[in-house]
Amino acid sequence: MKMSEFTIRVPGRPMAQPRARATSIGGKARVYQPNTAAASKALVIELAEKWLDELEKEEPEFYSTIPFQGPVAVRITAVYPCPKTQHRKRVETPAKWKDNGPDLDNVAKHYLDALCASGLIVGDDRQVASLLVLKFQAKQGVSPYTAIEICPM
């Protein structure tokens, strides 16, 4: 297996970074992050660690360059499930661009936070010099997933 970039596929519905919430405790305002995305971030980190284990065995010279130093390019492809209301019996609904749902920047933030905060692949999200985020609605019958690719520039 010839590798020159980090590539994983995260099964399940793509996640977006939730908004911070605020509450008042003892008359003081507290801001916190909801735990709704914690399991998804843990899965991304687990898949990245598995990718690193395979890379260490198959390409030790490339493994030594991880985490990437310098600028990186990131491509995130979020594929959402086809809604049941759009399922057809005779001709399956084809894949198409998704123009609703979570904002692209929140989807990117969720996955970049998971990979950059852990320091496994990229030391800091400030290294991202190029970012491409795509949202699709999957073809009828295709399971949702998120593909993440990171390569040094």
C-alpha atoms as a PDB file:
ATOM      1  CA  MET A   1       0.000   0.000   0.000  1.00  0.00           C
ATOM      2  CA  LYS A   2       1.572   3.288  -1.140  1.00  0.00           C
ATOM      3  CA  MET A   3       0.569   6.178   1.110  1.00  0.00           C
ATOM      4  CA  SER A   4       1.365   9.851   0.771  1.00  0.00           C
ATOM      5  CA  GLU A   5      -1.660  11.228   2.563  1.00  0.00           C
ATOM      6  CA  PHE A   6      -3.914  10.525   5.529  1.00  0.00           C
ATOM      7  CA  THR A   7      -7.262   9.046   4.444  1.00  0.00           C
ATOM      8  CA  ILE A   8     -10.054   7.634   6.608  1.00  0.00           C
ATOM      9  CA  ARG A   9     -13.737   6.921   6.130  1.00  0.00           C
ATOM     10  CA  VAL A  10     -15.944   7.497   9.173  1.00  0.00           C
ATOM     11  CA  PRO A  11     -19.163   5.452   9.004  1.00  0.00           C
ATOM     12  CA  GLY A  12     -22.455   7.004  10.080  1.00  0.00           C
ATOM     13  CA  ARG A  13     -24.204  10.314   9.613  1.00  0.00           C
ATOM     14  CA  PRO A  14     -21.758  13.264   9.343  1.00  0.00           C
ATOM     15  CA  MET A  15     -21.595  15.440  12.442  1.00  0.00           C
ATOM     16  CA  ALA A  16     -21.374  19.199  12.846  1.00  0.00           C
ATOM     17  CA  GLN A  17     -19.750  20.972  15.773  1.00  0.00           C
ATOM     18  CA  PRO A  18     -22.579  21.901  18.187  1.00  0.00           C
ATOM     19  CA  ARG A  19     -22.912  25.463  19.427  1.00  0.00           C
ATOM     20  CA  ALA A  20     -21.590  26.293  22.865  1.00  0.00           C
ATOM     21  CA  ARG A  21     -24.301  26.513  25.540  1.00  0.00           C
ATOM     22  CA  ALA A  22     -24.496  28.902  28.484  1.00  0.00           C
ATOM     23  CA  THR A  23     -26.043  28.463  31.904  1.00  0.00           C
ATOM     24  CA  SER A  24     -26.099  30.348  35.173  1.00  0.00           C
ATOM     25  CA  ILE A  25     -24.744  28.614  38.270  1.00  0.00           C
ATOM     26  CA  GLY A  26     -24.695  30.555  41.529  1.00  0.00           C
ATOM     27  CA  GLY A  27     -25.343  33.805  39.676  1.00  0.00           C
ATOM     28  CA  LYS A  28     -22.334  33.339  37.386  1.00  0.00           C
ATOM     29  CA  ALA A  29     -22.502  32.547  33.706  1.00  0.00           C
ATOM     30  CA  ARG A  30     -20.842  29.313  32.587  1.00  0.00           C
ATOM     31  CA  VAL A  31     -20.231  28.302  28.989  1.00  0.00           C
ATOM     32  CA  TYR A  32     -19.849  24.637  28.044  1.00  0.00           C
ATOM     33  CA  GLN A  33     -19.781  22.347  25.002  1.00  0.00           C
ATOM     34  CA  PRO A  34     -22.613  19.805  24.768  1.00  0.00           C
ATOM     35  CA  ASN A  35     -21.456  16.168  24.705  1.00  0.00           C
ATOM     36  CA  THR A  36     -23.506  15.330  21.599  1.00  0.00           C
ATOM     37  CA  ALA A  37     -20.417  15.085  19.379  1.00  0.00           C
ATOM     38  CA  ALA A  38     -18.005  13.449  21.842  1.00  0.00           C
ATOM     39  CA  ALA A  39     -18.666   9.885  20.613  1.00  0.00           C
ATOM     40  CA  SER A  40     -18.121  10.931  17.000  1.00  0.00           C
ATOM     41  CA  LYS A  41     -14.797  12.615  17.826  1.00  0.00           C
ATOM     42  CA  ALA A  42     -13.697   9.514  19.733  1.00  0.00           C
ATOM     43  CA  LEU A  43     -14.496   7.358  16.684  1.00  0.00           C
ATOM     44  CA  VAL A  44     -12.479   9.664  14.403  1.00  0.00           C
ATOM     45  CA  ILE A  45      -9.496   9.462  16.758  1.00  0.00           C
ATOM     46  CA  GLU A  46      -9.836   5.662  16.970  1.00  0.00           C
ATOM     47  CA  LEU A  47      -9.856   5.360  13.155  1.00  0.00           C
ATOM     48  CA  ALA A  48      -6.830   7.689  12.903  1.00  0.00           C
ATOM     49  CA  GLU A  49      -4.918   5.553  15.422  1.00  0.00           C
ATOM     50  CA  LYS A  50      -5.772   2.406  13.453  1.00  0.00           C
ATOM     51  CA  TRP A  51      -4.541   4.095  10.253  1.00  0.00           C
ATOM     52  CA  LEU A  52      -1.294   5.054  12.021  1.00  0.00           C
ATOM     53  CA  ASP A  53      -0.756   1.459  13.211  1.00  0.00           C
ATOM     54  CA  GLU A  54      -1.121   0.155   9.643  1.00  0.00           C
ATOM     55  CA  LEU A  55       1.168   2.885   8.324  1.00  0.00           C
ATOM     56  CA  GLU A  56       3.895   2.082  10.860  1.00  0.00           C
ATOM     57  CA  LYS A  57       3.954  -1.549   9.668  1.00  0.00           C
ATOM     58  CA  GLU A  58       3.765  -0.899   5.924  1.00  0.00           C
ATOM     59  CA  GLU A  59       5.638   2.395   5.383  1.00  0.00           C
ATOM     60  CA  PRO A  60       7.895   3.281   8.318  1.00  0.00           C
ATOM     61  CA  GLU A  61       9.630   6.096   6.388  1.00  0.00           C
ATOM     62  CA  PHE A  62       6.292   7.874   5.780  1.00  0.00           C
ATOM     63  CA  TYR A  63       5.206   7.120   9.356  1.00  0.00           C
ATOM     64  CA  SER A  64       8.166   9.143  10.616  1.00  0.00           C
ATOM     65  CA  THR A  65       6.696  12.296   8.965  1.00  0.00           C
ATOM     66  CA  ILE A  66       3.512  12.090  11.068  1.00  0.00           C
ATOM     67  CA  PRO A  67       2.256  14.423  12.519  1.00  0.00           C
ATOM     68  CA  PHE A  68       2.620  16.542   9.413  1.00  0.00           C
ATOM     69  CA  GLN A  69       4.781  19.651   9.758  1.00  0.00           C
ATOM     70  CA  GLY A  70       4.072  22.779   7.734  1.00  0.00           C
ATOM     71  CA  PRO A  71       1.010  23.532   5.594  1.00  0.00           C
ATOM     72  CA  VAL A  72      -1.532  20.823   4.827  1.00  0.00           C
ATOM     73  CA  ALA A  73      -4.508  20.465   2.497  1.00  0.00           C
ATOM     74  CA  VAL A  74      -7.711  18.964   3.893  1.00  0.00           C
ATOM     75  CA  ARG A  75     -10.682  17.535   1.995  1.00  0.00           C
ATOM     76  CA  ILE A  76     -13.822  16.514   3.886  1.00  0.00           C
ATOM     77  CA  THR A  77     -16.647  14.782   2.022  1.00  0.00           C
ATOM     78  CA  ALA A  78     -19.830  14.502   4.094  1.00  0.00           C
ATOM     79  CA  VAL A  79     -22.373  12.068   2.610  1.00  0.00           C
ATOM     80  CA  TYR A  80     -25.793  12.267   4.277  1.00  0.00           C
ATOM     81  CA  PRO A  81     -28.488   9.585   3.980  1.00  0.00           C
ATOM     82  CA  CYS A  82     -31.259   9.845   1.438  1.00  0.00           C
ATOM     83  CA  PRO A  83     -34.447  10.831   3.322  1.00  0.00           C
ATOM     84  CA  LYS A  84     -37.211   8.200   3.411  1.00  0.00           C
ATOM     85  CA  THR A  85     -39.576  10.728   1.819  1.00  0.00           C
ATOM     86  CA  GLN A  86     -37.412  10.665  -1.321  1.00  0.00           C
ATOM     87  CA  HIS A  87     -37.226   6.866  -1.667  1.00  0.00           C
ATOM     88  CA  ARG A  88     -38.734   5.542  -4.913  1.00  0.00           C
ATOM     89  CA  LYS A  89     -39.688   1.968  -5.798  1.00  0.00           C
ATOM     90  CA  ARG A  90     -39.061   1.875  -9.548  1.00  0.00           C
ATOM     91  CA  VAL A  91     -36.087   4.187 -10.051  1.00  0.00           C
ATOM     92  CA  GLU A  92     -33.766   4.756  -7.100  1.00  0.00           C
ATOM     93  CA  THR A  93     -33.065   8.352  -6.115  1.00  0.00           C
ATOM     94  CA  PRO A  94     -29.559   9.270  -7.348  1.00  0.00           C
ATOM     95  CA  ALA A  95     -26.897  11.028  -5.286  1.00  0.00           C
ATOM     96  CA  LYS A  96     -27.023  14.810  -5.382  1.00  0.00           C
ATOM     97  CA  TRP A  97     -25.556  17.922  -3.804  1.00  0.00           C
ATOM     98  CA  LYS A  98     -26.979  18.745  -0.377  1.00  0.00           C
ATOM     99  CA  ASP A  99     -27.964  22.368   0.080  1.00  0.00           C
ATOM    100  CA  ASN A 100     -29.563  22.161   3.516  1.00  0.00           C
ATOM    101  CA  GLY A 101     -28.618  20.764   6.894  1.00  0.00           C
ATOM    102  CA  PRO A 102     -25.630  21.797   8.977  1.00  0.00           C
ATOM    103  CA  ASP A 103     -23.318  24.583   7.831  1.00  0.00           C
ATOM    104  CA  LEU A 104     -20.138  23.498   6.064  1.00  0.00           C
ATOM    105  CA  ASP A 105     -17.938  25.375   8.526  1.00  0.00           C
ATOM    106  CA  ASN A 106     -19.458  23.498  11.478  1.00  0.00           C
ATOM    107  CA  VAL A 107     -18.889  20.137   9.752  1.00  0.00           C
ATOM    108  CA  ALA A 108     -15.258  21.082   9.043  1.00  0.00           C
ATOM    109  CA  LYS A 109     -14.736  22.342  12.605  1.00  0.00           C
ATOM    110  CA  HIS A 110     -15.988  19.081  14.109  1.00  0.00           C
ATOM    111  CA  TYR A 111     -13.581  16.862  12.176  1.00  0.00           C
ATOM    112  CA  LEU A 112     -10.632  19.258  12.309  1.00  0.00           C
ATOM    113  CA  ASP A 113     -11.044  19.579  16.084  1.00  0.00           C
ATOM    114  CA  ALA A 114     -11.027  15.788  16.430  1.00  0.00           C
ATOM    115  CA  LEU A 115      -7.865  15.321  14.349  1.00  0.00           C
ATOM    116  CA  CYS A 116      -5.925  18.482  15.224  1.00  0.00           C
ATOM    117  CA  ALA A 117      -6.675  18.671  18.949  1.00  0.00           C
ATOM    118  CA  SER A 118      -5.436  15.103  19.365  1.00  0.00           C
ATOM    119  CA  GLY A 119      -2.175  15.980  17.568  1.00  0.00           C
ATOM    120  CA  LEU A 120      -2.135  12.583  15.846  1.00  0.00           C
ATOM    121  CA  ILE A 121      -2.064  13.719  12.218  1.00  0.00           C
ATOM    122  CA  VAL A 122      -1.646  17.511  12.351  1.00  0.00           C
ATOM    123  CA  GLY A 123      -0.147  19.411  15.267  1.00  0.00           C
ATOM    124  CA  ASP A 124      -2.476  22.403  14.999  1.00  0.00           C
ATOM    125  CA  ASP A 125      -5.420  23.425  12.825  1.00  0.00           C
ATOM    126  CA  ARG A 126      -3.515  26.610  11.958  1.00  0.00           C
ATOM    127  CA  GLN A 127      -1.473  24.423   9.589  1.00  0.00           C
ATOM    128  CA  VAL A 128      -4.489  23.978   7.300  1.00  0.00           C
ATOM    129  CA  ALA A 129      -3.683  26.085   4.223  1.00  0.00           C
ATOM    130  CA  SER A 130      -6.315  24.573   1.927  1.00  0.00           C
ATOM    131  CA  LEU A 131      -9.749  23.292   2.949  1.00  0.00           C
ATOM    132  CA  LEU A 132     -12.396  21.728   0.723  1.00  0.00           C
ATOM    133  CA  VAL A 133     -15.666  20.586   2.291  1.00  0.00           C
ATOM    134  CA  LEU A 134     -18.333  18.852   0.191  1.00  0.00           C
ATOM    135  CA  LYS A 135     -21.877  17.876   1.217  1.00  0.00           C
ATOM    136  CA  PHE A 136     -23.797  15.198  -0.691  1.00  0.00           C
ATOM    137  CA  GLN A 137     -27.037  13.358  -0.248  1.00  0.00           C
ATOM    138  CA  ALA A 138     -26.289   9.665  -0.834  1.00  0.00           C
ATOM    139  CA  LYS A 139     -27.931   7.577  -3.501  1.00  0.00           C
ATOM    140  CA  GLN A 140     -30.953   5.706  -2.206  1.00  0.00           C
ATOM    141  CA  GLY A 141     -29.799   2.675  -0.220  1.00  0.00           C
ATOM    142  CA  VAL A 142     -26.228   3.915   0.369  1.00  0.00           C
ATOM    143  CA  SER A 143     -25.123   4.312   3.998  1.00  0.00           C
ATOM    144  CA  PRO A 144     -23.948   7.751   5.169  1.00  0.00           C
ATOM    145  CA  TYR A 145     -20.266   8.405   5.877  1.00  0.00           C
ATOM    146  CA  THR A 146     -17.604  11.095   6.063  1.00  0.00           C
ATOM    147  CA  ALA A 147     -14.336  10.809   4.136  1.00  0.00           C
ATOM    148  CA  ILE A 148     -11.364  12.818   5.418  1.00  0.00           C
ATOM    149  CA  GLU A 149      -8.139  13.313   3.464  1.00  0.00           C
ATOM    150  CA  ILE A 150      -5.124  15.287   4.706  1.00  0.00           C
ATOM    151  CA  CYS A 151      -1.917  15.693   2.736  1.00  0.00           C
ATOM    152  CA  PRO A 152       1.166  17.866   3.169  1.00  0.00           C
ATOM    153  CA  MET A 153       1.588  20.663   0.654  1.00  0.00           C
END
